[in-house]
Amino acid sequence: MKLTLLGTGSPVPSLKRASAGYMVEVGNDVVLIDHGPGTFQRMMQAGVSATQVTHVFFSHLHFDHCLDFVRLFLHRWDISPPGTPPLKVFGPPGLEHMVDRLFGPDGAFKLDLTARTSHQNSLDIFASRGGIPPRPWPEADVTEVAATDTLEGDGWKMKLANVPHHQPYLVSYGVRFEADGGVFAYSSDITLPVDKAPAKPLYELAKGADLLIHYLNSFDVSRETTPAYSTPSQRTKQQALGELARDCNVKTLVTTHHGPTIDTDGVRERVIADIAAVYDGRLIWGEDLMTLDIGNPR
């Protein structure tokens, strides 16, 4: 499977980084895991069109993880040839309401979609693509999932776990994606606590992973005053991340969700050094449009 980092940024607008989004190409499927602001453009830069996307999974419903879904959904519907299967969309509770309030008969895009399914000019364009009027309203195959669910596609399987991040207001899922004999895990936006107990579900997802994509926006720069970390209170947040990757025997750790403060010269290097002092595997500071091959292609 081929993994592309479409967005490695935070909610803070950036010309350097799109917000959260990751794309997996495996078999005949193109799977998007989160699709935040700027990731649709990155997807096109990676050479993938909206019509090629088969599945979308949202780890949680913060806008920086789902805002470009509006572009993806509308573009895919508008330019797809007739008979294209509906987009399969998965995510936490609240997803069905969000999609209905955007694209349903009384949703935010009601006037636009009414025009595109009624105006003669739009119907002529639809007919030129092989469609036979009346033009149908766009559909999505939306499924709200629980942490106990397993999703499957063309040669891939996705396992989930509920990870701590803005509960009880939002449910947030970490991911374990298995395909082609390889595994990558995705943390969602968990901030590792000093006490490992709340993060145990993520440890299960990351165990033995070939690659772990992990949130790293919040950090500590207190290493000079607490160089040892014999007690949990002395660990920096980035050292806690290194411990997770080490304890789970992760082969490659990719950091993501970088805000403008952590991504500055000096801070970046100190954070990397803290992780590397604990974790001796391959460490990558994630950047938009990086691609990584995982497992053995079929």
C-alpha atoms as a PDB file:
ATOM      1  CA  MET A   1       0.000   0.000   0.000  1.00  0.00           C
ATOM      2  CA  LYS A   2       1.042   3.543  -0.697  1.00  0.00           C
ATOM      3  CA  LEU A   3       0.505   6.192   1.966  1.00  0.00           C
ATOM      4  CA  THR A   4       0.589   9.900   1.105  1.00  0.00           C
ATOM      5  CA  LEU A   5       0.601  12.633   3.744  1.00  0.00           C
ATOM      6  CA  LEU A   6      -1.825  15.151   2.258  1.00  0.00           C
ATOM      7  CA  GLY A   7      -1.818  17.442   5.262  1.00  0.00           C
ATOM      8  CA  THR A   8       0.515  17.603   8.253  1.00  0.00           C
ATOM      9  CA  GLY A   9      -0.580  20.911   9.733  1.00  0.00           C
ATOM     10  CA  SER A  10      -2.821  22.141  12.516  1.00  0.00           C
ATOM     11  CA  PRO A  11      -6.007  24.269  12.628  1.00  0.00           C
ATOM     12  CA  VAL A  12      -3.795  27.365  12.227  1.00  0.00           C
ATOM     13  CA  PRO A  13      -3.907  28.541   8.573  1.00  0.00           C
ATOM     14  CA  SER A  14      -0.597  27.924   6.839  1.00  0.00           C
ATOM     15  CA  LEU A  15       0.859  28.377   3.369  1.00  0.00           C
ATOM     16  CA  LYS A  16       3.321  25.573   4.115  1.00  0.00           C
ATOM     17  CA  ARG A  17       1.027  22.872   5.480  1.00  0.00           C
ATOM     18  CA  ALA A  18      -2.519  21.732   4.847  1.00  0.00           C
ATOM     19  CA  SER A  19      -4.482  20.534   7.842  1.00  0.00           C
ATOM     20  CA  ALA A  20      -4.859  16.855   8.732  1.00  0.00           C
ATOM     21  CA  GLY A  21      -5.321  14.356   5.912  1.00  0.00           C
ATOM     22  CA  TYR A  22      -3.816  11.052   4.758  1.00  0.00           C
ATOM     23  CA  MET A  23      -4.410   8.992   1.618  1.00  0.00           C
ATOM     24  CA  VAL A  24      -3.976   5.235   1.222  1.00  0.00           C
ATOM     25  CA  GLU A  25      -3.901   3.596  -2.209  1.00  0.00           C
ATOM     26  CA  VAL A  26      -4.381  -0.163  -2.029  1.00  0.00           C
ATOM     27  CA  GLY A  27      -5.890  -2.547  -4.547  1.00  0.00           C
ATOM     28  CA  ASN A  28      -8.648  -0.725  -6.401  1.00  0.00           C
ATOM     29  CA  ASP A  29      -9.411   1.552  -3.472  1.00  0.00           C
ATOM     30  CA  VAL A  30      -8.346   5.067  -2.579  1.00  0.00           C
ATOM     31  CA  VAL A  31      -9.023   5.654   1.102  1.00  0.00           C
ATOM     32  CA  LEU A  32      -8.850   9.082   2.726  1.00  0.00           C
ATOM     33  CA  ILE A  33      -8.307   9.237   6.477  1.00  0.00           C
ATOM     34  CA  ASP A  34      -9.402  12.731   7.490  1.00  0.00           C
ATOM     35  CA  HIS A  35      -9.678  15.506   4.901  1.00  0.00           C
ATOM     36  CA  GLY A  36      -8.955  18.886   6.470  1.00  0.00           C
ATOM     37  CA  PRO A  37      -8.533  22.296   4.829  1.00  0.00           C
ATOM     38  CA  GLY A  38      -6.052  22.227   1.944  1.00  0.00           C
ATOM     39  CA  THR A  39      -5.937  18.451   1.561  1.00  0.00           C
ATOM     40  CA  PHE A  40      -8.132  18.376  -1.547  1.00  0.00           C
ATOM     41  CA  GLN A  41      -5.558  20.515  -3.358  1.00  0.00           C
ATOM     42  CA  ARG A  42      -2.757  18.287  -2.081  1.00  0.00           C
ATOM     43  CA  MET A  43      -4.633  15.236  -3.336  1.00  0.00           C
ATOM     44  CA  MET A  44      -4.761  16.726  -6.827  1.00  0.00           C
ATOM     45  CA  GLN A  45      -1.059  17.581  -6.597  1.00  0.00           C
ATOM     46  CA  ALA A  46      -0.464  13.909  -5.780  1.00  0.00           C
ATOM     47  CA  GLY A  47      -2.166  12.994  -9.053  1.00  0.00           C
ATOM     48  CA  VAL A  48      -5.425  11.633  -7.639  1.00  0.00           C
ATOM     49  CA  SER A  49      -8.824  13.001  -8.704  1.00  0.00           C
ATOM     50  CA  ALA A  50     -12.013  13.151  -6.668  1.00  0.00           C
ATOM     51  CA  THR A  51     -13.590  10.476  -8.870  1.00  0.00           C
ATOM     52  CA  GLN A  52     -10.926   7.956  -7.808  1.00  0.00           C
ATOM     53  CA  VAL A  53     -11.708   8.214  -4.092  1.00  0.00           C
ATOM     54  CA  THR A  54     -13.742   5.239  -2.854  1.00  0.00           C
ATOM     55  CA  HIS A  55     -13.732   5.617   0.942  1.00  0.00           C
ATOM     56  CA  VAL A  56     -13.426   8.423   3.481  1.00  0.00           C
ATOM     57  CA  PHE A  57     -12.901   7.898   7.202  1.00  0.00           C
ATOM     58  CA  PHE A  58     -13.042  10.699   9.765  1.00  0.00           C
ATOM     59  CA  SER A  59     -11.209  10.152  13.037  1.00  0.00           C
ATOM     60  CA  HIS A  60     -13.262  12.951  14.600  1.00  0.00           C
ATOM     61  CA  LEU A  61     -15.288  15.955  13.492  1.00  0.00           C
ATOM     62  CA  HIS A  62     -13.038  18.916  14.271  1.00  0.00           C
ATOM     63  CA  PHE A  63     -13.093  21.195  11.226  1.00  0.00           C
ATOM     64  CA  ASP A  64      -9.353  20.813  10.610  1.00  0.00           C
ATOM     65  CA  HIS A  65      -9.998  17.109   9.953  1.00  0.00           C
ATOM     66  CA  CYS A  66     -13.078  17.318   7.720  1.00  0.00           C
ATOM     67  CA  LEU A  67     -13.559  20.736   6.078  1.00  0.00           C
ATOM     68  CA  ASP A  68     -12.345  19.771   2.585  1.00  0.00           C
ATOM     69  CA  PHE A  69     -14.895  16.956   2.526  1.00  0.00           C
ATOM     70  CA  VAL A  70     -17.269  19.596   1.151  1.00  0.00           C
ATOM     71  CA  ARG A  71     -15.062  20.016  -1.928  1.00  0.00           C
ATOM     72  CA  LEU A  72     -14.454  16.319  -2.313  1.00  0.00           C
ATOM     73  CA  PHE A  73     -18.120  15.358  -2.098  1.00  0.00           C
ATOM     74  CA  LEU A  74     -19.411  18.045  -4.471  1.00  0.00           C
ATOM     75  CA  HIS A  75     -16.633  17.700  -7.048  1.00  0.00           C
ATOM     76  CA  ARG A  76     -16.890  13.913  -7.047  1.00  0.00           C
ATOM     77  CA  TRP A  77     -20.642  14.015  -7.623  1.00  0.00           C
ATOM     78  CA  ASP A  78     -20.524  16.793 -10.210  1.00  0.00           C
ATOM     79  CA  ILE A  79     -17.876  15.308 -12.522  1.00  0.00           C
ATOM     80  CA  SER A  80     -18.425  11.572 -12.051  1.00  0.00           C
ATOM     81  CA  PRO A  81     -19.997   9.652 -14.928  1.00  0.00           C
ATOM     82  CA  PRO A  82     -23.482   8.231 -14.324  1.00  0.00           C
ATOM     83  CA  GLY A  83     -23.468   4.984 -12.386  1.00  0.00           C
ATOM     84  CA  THR A  84     -20.505   5.877 -10.176  1.00  0.00           C
ATOM     85  CA  PRO A  85     -21.035   4.196  -6.798  1.00  0.00           C
ATOM     86  CA  PRO A  86     -21.794   6.550  -3.903  1.00  0.00           C
ATOM     87  CA  LEU A  87     -18.818   7.548  -1.800  1.00  0.00           C
ATOM     88  CA  LYS A  88     -18.472   5.349   1.287  1.00  0.00           C
ATOM     89  CA  VAL A  89     -18.083   7.623   4.305  1.00  0.00           C
ATOM     90  CA  PHE A  90     -17.317   6.414   7.834  1.00  0.00           C
ATOM     91  CA  GLY A  91     -16.848   8.277  11.081  1.00  0.00           C
ATOM     92  CA  PRO A  92     -17.946   8.847  14.664  1.00  0.00           C
ATOM     93  CA  PRO A  93     -21.395   9.744  15.965  1.00  0.00           C
ATOM     94  CA  GLY A  94     -22.582  13.035  14.474  1.00  0.00           C
ATOM     95  CA  LEU A  95     -21.373  12.214  10.954  1.00  0.00           C
ATOM     96  CA  GLU A  96     -24.846  11.501   9.540  1.00  0.00           C
ATOM     97  CA  HIS A  97     -26.162  14.794  10.889  1.00  0.00           C
ATOM     98  CA  MET A  98     -23.217  16.718   9.427  1.00  0.00           C
ATOM     99  CA  VAL A  99     -23.616  15.199   5.956  1.00  0.00           C
ATOM    100  CA  ASP A 100     -27.393  15.751   5.953  1.00  0.00           C
ATOM    101  CA  ARG A 101     -27.049  19.382   7.066  1.00  0.00           C
ATOM    102  CA  LEU A 102     -24.556  19.965   4.255  1.00  0.00           C
ATOM    103  CA  PHE A 103     -25.972  18.008   1.326  1.00  0.00           C
ATOM    104  CA  GLY A 104     -29.477  16.863   2.267  1.00  0.00           C
ATOM    105  CA  PRO A 105     -32.684  18.250   0.702  1.00  0.00           C
ATOM    106  CA  ASP A 106     -32.735  21.078   3.252  1.00  0.00           C
ATOM    107  CA  GLY A 107     -28.971  21.314   3.732  1.00  0.00           C
ATOM    108  CA  ALA A 108     -26.560  24.190   3.296  1.00  0.00           C
ATOM    109  CA  PHE A 109     -26.113  23.464  -0.417  1.00  0.00           C
ATOM    110  CA  LYS A 110     -29.852  23.116  -1.160  1.00  0.00           C
ATOM    111  CA  LEU A 111     -29.972  26.026  -3.638  1.00  0.00           C
ATOM    112  CA  ASP A 112     -26.802  24.956  -5.474  1.00  0.00           C
ATOM    113  CA  LEU A 113     -27.884  21.322  -5.770  1.00  0.00           C
ATOM    114  CA  THR A 114     -31.426  22.266  -6.765  1.00  0.00           C
ATOM    115  CA  ALA A 115     -30.016  24.359  -9.601  1.00  0.00           C
ATOM    116  CA  ARG A 116     -27.611  21.631 -10.720  1.00  0.00           C
ATOM    117  CA  THR A 117     -30.376  19.034 -10.804  1.00  0.00           C
ATOM    118  CA  SER A 118     -32.991  21.333 -12.419  1.00  0.00           C
ATOM    119  CA  HIS A 119     -31.451  24.018 -14.657  1.00  0.00           C
ATOM    120  CA  GLN A 120     -31.305  23.086 -18.331  1.00  0.00           C
ATOM    121  CA  ASN A 121     -27.655  24.036 -18.702  1.00  0.00           C
ATOM    122  CA  SER A 122     -26.671  21.637 -15.908  1.00  0.00           C
ATOM    123  CA  LEU A 123     -28.901  18.939 -17.347  1.00  0.00           C
ATOM    124  CA  ASP A 124     -27.245  19.354 -20.738  1.00  0.00           C
ATOM    125  CA  ILE A 125     -23.814  18.906 -19.163  1.00  0.00           C
ATOM    126  CA  PHE A 126     -25.115  15.843 -17.316  1.00  0.00           C
ATOM    127  CA  ALA A 127     -26.437  14.414 -20.607  1.00  0.00           C
ATOM    128  CA  SER A 128     -23.105  15.085 -22.350  1.00  0.00           C
ATOM    129  CA  ARG A 129     -21.498  12.745 -19.801  1.00  0.00           C
ATOM    130  CA  GLY A 130     -23.942   9.985 -20.623  1.00  0.00           C
ATOM    131  CA  GLY A 131     -26.595  10.789 -18.052  1.00  0.00           C
ATOM    132  CA  ILE A 132     -30.303  10.487 -18.669  1.00  0.00           C
ATOM    133  CA  PRO A 133     -32.394  13.216 -16.959  1.00  0.00           C
ATOM    134  CA  PRO A 134     -33.758  13.723 -14.410  1.00  0.00           C
ATOM    135  CA  ARG A 135     -30.432  14.236 -12.703  1.00  0.00           C
ATOM    136  CA  PRO A 136     -30.417  12.546  -9.279  1.00  0.00           C
ATOM    137  CA  TRP A 137     -29.564  14.357  -6.057  1.00  0.00           C
ATOM    138  CA  PRO A 138     -26.092  13.381  -4.764  1.00  0.00           C
ATOM    139  CA  GLU A 139     -25.903  10.422  -2.429  1.00  0.00           C
ATOM    140  CA  ALA A 140     -23.342   9.273   0.104  1.00  0.00           C
ATOM    141  CA  ASP A 141     -23.148   5.881   1.762  1.00  0.00           C
ATOM    142  CA  VAL A 142     -22.689   7.172   5.329  1.00  0.00           C
ATOM    143  CA  THR A 143     -21.994   4.894   8.281  1.00  0.00           C
ATOM    144  CA  GLU A 144     -21.407   5.982  11.862  1.00  0.00           C
ATOM    145  CA  VAL A 145     -19.013   3.520  13.470  1.00  0.00           C
ATOM    146  CA  ALA A 146     -18.107   2.417  16.979  1.00  0.00           C
ATOM    147  CA  ALA A 147     -14.661   1.643  18.366  1.00  0.00           C
ATOM    148  CA  THR A 148     -15.495  -2.059  18.200  1.00  0.00           C
ATOM    149  CA  ASP A 149     -16.140  -1.969  14.441  1.00  0.00           C
ATOM    150  CA  THR A 150     -13.747  -3.208  11.771  1.00  0.00           C
ATOM    151  CA  LEU A 151     -13.903  -1.691   8.279  1.00  0.00           C
ATOM    152  CA  GLU A 152     -12.832  -3.637   5.195  1.00  0.00           C
ATOM    153  CA  GLY A 153     -12.189  -2.988   1.514  1.00  0.00           C
ATOM    154  CA  ASP A 154     -10.186  -4.332  -1.408  1.00  0.00           C
ATOM    155  CA  GLY A 155      -7.456  -6.192   0.463  1.00  0.00           C
ATOM    156  CA  TRP A 156      -7.429  -3.924   3.507  1.00  0.00           C
ATOM    157  CA  LYS A 157      -8.811  -3.861   7.030  1.00  0.00           C
ATOM    158  CA  MET A 158      -9.142  -0.959   9.450  1.00  0.00           C
ATOM    159  CA  LYS A 159      -9.452  -1.407  13.204  1.00  0.00           C
ATOM    160  CA  LEU A 160     -10.450   1.421  15.537  1.00  0.00           C
ATOM    161  CA  ALA A 161     -10.022   2.508  19.136  1.00  0.00           C
ATOM    162  CA  ASN A 162     -11.488   5.381  21.110  1.00  0.00           C
ATOM    163  CA  VAL A 163      -8.615   7.691  22.083  1.00  0.00           C
ATOM    164  CA  PRO A 164      -8.852  10.652  24.478  1.00  0.00           C
ATOM    165  CA  HIS A 165      -9.396  13.954  22.659  1.00  0.00           C
ATOM    166  CA  HIS A 166     -12.146  16.480  23.507  1.00  0.00           C
ATOM    167  CA  GLN A 167     -14.540  13.940  24.970  1.00  0.00           C
ATOM    168  CA  PRO A 168     -17.426  14.081  25.793  1.00  0.00           C
ATOM    169  CA  TYR A 169     -18.080  16.689  23.124  1.00  0.00           C
ATOM    170  CA  LEU A 170     -16.482  14.698  20.299  1.00  0.00           C
ATOM    171  CA  VAL A 171     -15.680  11.019  19.846  1.00  0.00           C
ATOM    172  CA  SER A 172     -12.175  10.484  18.468  1.00  0.00           C
ATOM    173  CA  TYR A 173     -10.829   7.280  16.932  1.00  0.00           C
ATOM    174  CA  GLY A 174      -7.308   6.072  16.419  1.00  0.00           C
ATOM    175  CA  VAL A 175      -6.732   3.711  13.500  1.00  0.00           C
ATOM    176  CA  ARG A 176      -4.845   0.525  12.698  1.00  0.00           C
ATOM    177  CA  PHE A 177      -4.762  -0.034   8.918  1.00  0.00           C
ATOM    178  CA  GLU A 178      -3.633  -3.440   7.630  1.00  0.00           C
ATOM    179  CA  ALA A 179      -2.945  -4.244   3.965  1.00  0.00           C
ATOM    180  CA  ASP A 180      -0.355  -5.985   1.762  1.00  0.00           C
ATOM    181  CA  GLY A 181       1.213  -7.603   4.809  1.00  0.00           C
ATOM    182  CA  GLY A 182       1.945  -4.211   6.372  1.00  0.00           C
ATOM    183  CA  VAL A 183       0.462  -2.119   9.179  1.00  0.00           C
ATOM    184  CA  PHE A 184       0.279   1.562   9.859  1.00  0.00           C
ATOM    185  CA  ALA A 185      -1.355   3.206  12.834  1.00  0.00           C
ATOM    186  CA  TYR A 186      -2.745   6.720  13.169  1.00  0.00           C
ATOM    187  CA  SER A 187      -3.150   8.399  16.527  1.00  0.00           C
ATOM    188  CA  SER A 188      -5.794  11.000  15.670  1.00  0.00           C
ATOM    189  CA  ASP A 189      -5.218  14.062  17.884  1.00  0.00           C
ATOM    190  CA  ILE A 190      -4.467  12.324  21.170  1.00  0.00           C
ATOM    191  CA  THR A 191      -2.136  14.198  23.496  1.00  0.00           C
ATOM    192  CA  LEU A 192      -0.247  11.568  25.468  1.00  0.00           C
ATOM    193  CA  PRO A 193      -0.883  12.005  29.189  1.00  0.00           C
ATOM    194  CA  VAL A 194       1.722  11.416  31.877  1.00  0.00           C
ATOM    195  CA  ASP A 195      -0.359   8.450  32.992  1.00  0.00           C
ATOM    196  CA  LYS A 196      -0.302   5.901  30.158  1.00  0.00           C
ATOM    197  CA  ALA A 197      -3.652   4.372  31.130  1.00  0.00           C
ATOM    198  CA  PRO A 198      -5.903   6.623  28.985  1.00  0.00           C
ATOM    199  CA  ALA A 199      -3.662   5.956  25.965  1.00  0.00           C
ATOM    200  CA  LYS A 200      -3.739   2.155  26.261  1.00  0.00           C
ATOM    201  CA  PRO A 201      -6.162   1.765  23.308  1.00  0.00           C
ATOM    202  CA  LEU A 202      -3.624   3.539  21.093  1.00  0.00           C
ATOM    203  CA  TYR A 203      -0.879   1.220  22.338  1.00  0.00           C
ATOM    204  CA  GLU A 204      -2.969  -1.712  21.111  1.00  0.00           C
ATOM    205  CA  LEU A 205      -3.380  -0.131  17.671  1.00  0.00           C
ATOM    206  CA  ALA A 206       0.317   0.728  17.329  1.00  0.00           C
ATOM    207  CA  LYS A 207       1.707  -2.607  18.530  1.00  0.00           C
ATOM    208  CA  GLY A 208       4.225  -3.913  15.977  1.00  0.00           C
ATOM    209  CA  ALA A 209       3.233  -1.329  13.363  1.00  0.00           C
ATOM    210  CA  ASP A 210       5.509  -0.745  10.412  1.00  0.00           C
ATOM    211  CA  LEU A 211       4.620   2.942  10.656  1.00  0.00           C
ATOM    212  CA  LEU A 212       2.914   5.156  13.233  1.00  0.00           C
ATOM    213  CA  ILE A 213       1.587   8.589  12.286  1.00  0.00           C
ATOM    214  CA  HIS A 214       1.306  10.562  15.502  1.00  0.00           C
ATOM    215  CA  TYR A 215      -0.004  13.967  16.494  1.00  0.00           C
ATOM    216  CA  LEU A 216       2.769  16.303  17.638  1.00  0.00           C
ATOM    217  CA  ASN A 217       1.651  19.868  18.110  1.00  0.00           C
ATOM    218  CA  SER A 218       1.844  20.270  21.875  1.00  0.00           C
ATOM    219  CA  PHE A 219       5.360  19.878  23.294  1.00  0.00           C
ATOM    220  CA  ASP A 220       7.654  20.644  26.245  1.00  0.00           C
ATOM    221  CA  VAL A 221      11.064  22.307  26.041  1.00  0.00           C
ATOM    222  CA  SER A 222      12.100  21.590  29.638  1.00  0.00           C
ATOM    223  CA  ARG A 223      14.739  18.981  28.806  1.00  0.00           C
ATOM    224  CA  GLU A 224      17.557  21.243  30.021  1.00  0.00           C
ATOM    225  CA  THR A 225      16.026  21.539  33.494  1.00  0.00           C
ATOM    226  CA  THR A 226      14.940  17.887  33.748  1.00  0.00           C
ATOM    227  CA  PRO A 227      17.448  15.908  31.673  1.00  0.00           C
ATOM    228  CA  ALA A 228      16.536  12.680  33.465  1.00  0.00           C
ATOM    229  CA  TYR A 229      13.044  11.286  33.433  1.00  0.00           C
ATOM    230  CA  SER A 230      13.148   8.568  36.023  1.00  0.00           C
ATOM    231  CA  THR A 231       9.648   9.540  37.148  1.00  0.00           C
ATOM    232  CA  PRO A 232       6.667  10.199  34.861  1.00  0.00           C
ATOM    233  CA  SER A 233       6.423  13.832  35.952  1.00  0.00           C
ATOM    234  CA  GLN A 234       9.873  14.474  34.462  1.00  0.00           C
ATOM    235  CA  ARG A 235       9.022  13.234  30.966  1.00  0.00           C
ATOM    236  CA  THR A 236       8.427  15.753  28.235  1.00  0.00           C
ATOM    237  CA  LYS A 237       5.429  15.171  25.976  1.00  0.00           C
ATOM    238  CA  GLN A 238       7.714  14.287  23.091  1.00  0.00           C
ATOM    239  CA  GLN A 239       9.596  11.796  25.263  1.00  0.00           C
ATOM    240  CA  ALA A 240       6.248  10.173  26.074  1.00  0.00           C
ATOM    241  CA  LEU A 241       5.694   9.807  22.317  1.00  0.00           C
ATOM    242  CA  GLY A 242       9.121   8.217  21.954  1.00  0.00           C
ATOM    243  CA  GLU A 243       8.230   5.771  24.735  1.00  0.00           C
ATOM    244  CA  LEU A 244       5.012   4.792  22.953  1.00  0.00           C
ATOM    245  CA  ALA A 245       6.846   4.090  19.689  1.00  0.00           C
ATOM    246  CA  ARG A 246       9.596   2.205  21.538  1.00  0.00           C
ATOM    247  CA  ASP A 247       7.266   0.132  23.698  1.00  0.00           C
ATOM    248  CA  CYS A 248       5.112  -0.805  20.688  1.00  0.00           C
ATOM    249  CA  ASN A 249       8.142  -1.770  18.567  1.00  0.00           C
ATOM    250  CA  VAL A 250       7.132   0.670  15.841  1.00  0.00           C
ATOM    251  CA  LYS A 251       9.563   0.543  12.929  1.00  0.00           C
ATOM    252  CA  THR A 252       8.961   4.085  11.647  1.00  0.00           C
ATOM    253  CA  LEU A 253       7.484   7.036  13.539  1.00  0.00           C
ATOM    254  CA  VAL A 254       6.096   9.927  11.486  1.00  0.00           C
ATOM    255  CA  THR A 255       5.151  13.119  13.327  1.00  0.00           C
ATOM    256  CA  THR A 256       2.291  15.283  12.077  1.00  0.00           C
ATOM    257  CA  HIS A 257      -0.203  18.025  12.989  1.00  0.00           C
ATOM    258  CA  HIS A 258       2.632  20.526  13.298  1.00  0.00           C
ATOM    259  CA  GLY A 259       1.594  24.024  14.295  1.00  0.00           C
ATOM    260  CA  PRO A 260       3.712  27.089  13.503  1.00  0.00           C
ATOM    261  CA  THR A 261       5.454  27.172  16.900  1.00  0.00           C
ATOM    262  CA  ILE A 262       6.759  23.618  16.932  1.00  0.00           C
ATOM    263  CA  ASP A 263       7.785  23.903  13.275  1.00  0.00           C
ATOM    264  CA  THR A 264      10.360  26.639  13.844  1.00  0.00           C
ATOM    265  CA  ASP A 265      14.131  26.270  13.687  1.00  0.00           C
ATOM    266  CA  GLY A 266      15.554  25.316  17.052  1.00  0.00           C
ATOM    267  CA  VAL A 267      12.315  24.053  18.551  1.00  0.00           C
ATOM    268  CA  ARG A 268      11.952  21.412  15.849  1.00  0.00           C
ATOM    269  CA  GLU A 269      15.438  20.068  16.491  1.00  0.00           C
ATOM    270  CA  ARG A 270      15.012  20.004  20.271  1.00  0.00           C
ATOM    271  CA  VAL A 271      11.774  18.070  19.972  1.00  0.00           C
ATOM    272  CA  ILE A 272      13.328  15.570  17.549  1.00  0.00           C
ATOM    273  CA  ALA A 273      16.293  15.101  19.871  1.00  0.00           C
ATOM    274  CA  ASP A 274      13.978  14.388  22.807  1.00  0.00           C
ATOM    275  CA  ILE A 275      12.158  11.685  20.854  1.00  0.00           C
ATOM    276  CA  ALA A 276      15.384  10.178  19.521  1.00  0.00           C
ATOM    277  CA  ALA A 277      16.807   9.952  23.047  1.00  0.00           C
ATOM    278  CA  VAL A 278      14.062   7.437  23.843  1.00  0.00           C
ATOM    279  CA  TYR A 279      13.188   5.853  20.480  1.00  0.00           C
ATOM    280  CA  ASP A 280      15.888   4.451  18.202  1.00  0.00           C
ATOM    281  CA  GLY A 281      13.691   3.541  15.233  1.00  0.00           C
ATOM    282  CA  ARG A 282      13.332   5.511  12.010  1.00  0.00           C
ATOM    283  CA  LEU A 283      11.978   8.994  12.803  1.00  0.00           C
ATOM    284  CA  ILE A 284      10.424  11.270  10.160  1.00  0.00           C
ATOM    285  CA  TRP A 285       9.275  14.855  10.648  1.00  0.00           C
ATOM    286  CA  GLY A 286       6.142  14.730   8.494  1.00  0.00           C
ATOM    287  CA  GLU A 287       5.744  17.082   5.532  1.00  0.00           C
ATOM    288  CA  ASP A 288       2.888  17.499   3.067  1.00  0.00           C
ATOM    289  CA  LEU A 289       3.013  15.171   0.033  1.00  0.00           C
ATOM    290  CA  MET A 290       5.517  12.739   1.538  1.00  0.00           C
ATOM    291  CA  THR A 291       4.830   9.211   0.271  1.00  0.00           C
ATOM    292  CA  LEU A 292       5.663   5.970   2.059  1.00  0.00           C
ATOM    293  CA  ASP A 293       5.310   2.405   0.828  1.00  0.00           C
ATOM    294  CA  ILE A 294       4.168  -0.078   3.467  1.00  0.00           C
ATOM    295  CA  GLY A 295       4.054  -3.861   3.141  1.00  0.00           C
ATOM    296  CA  ASN A 296       4.418  -5.791  -0.098  1.00  0.00           C
ATOM    297  CA  PRO A 297       2.388  -4.710  -3.136  1.00  0.00           C
ATOM    298  CA  ARG A 298       0.164  -7.329  -4.698  1.00  0.00           C
END
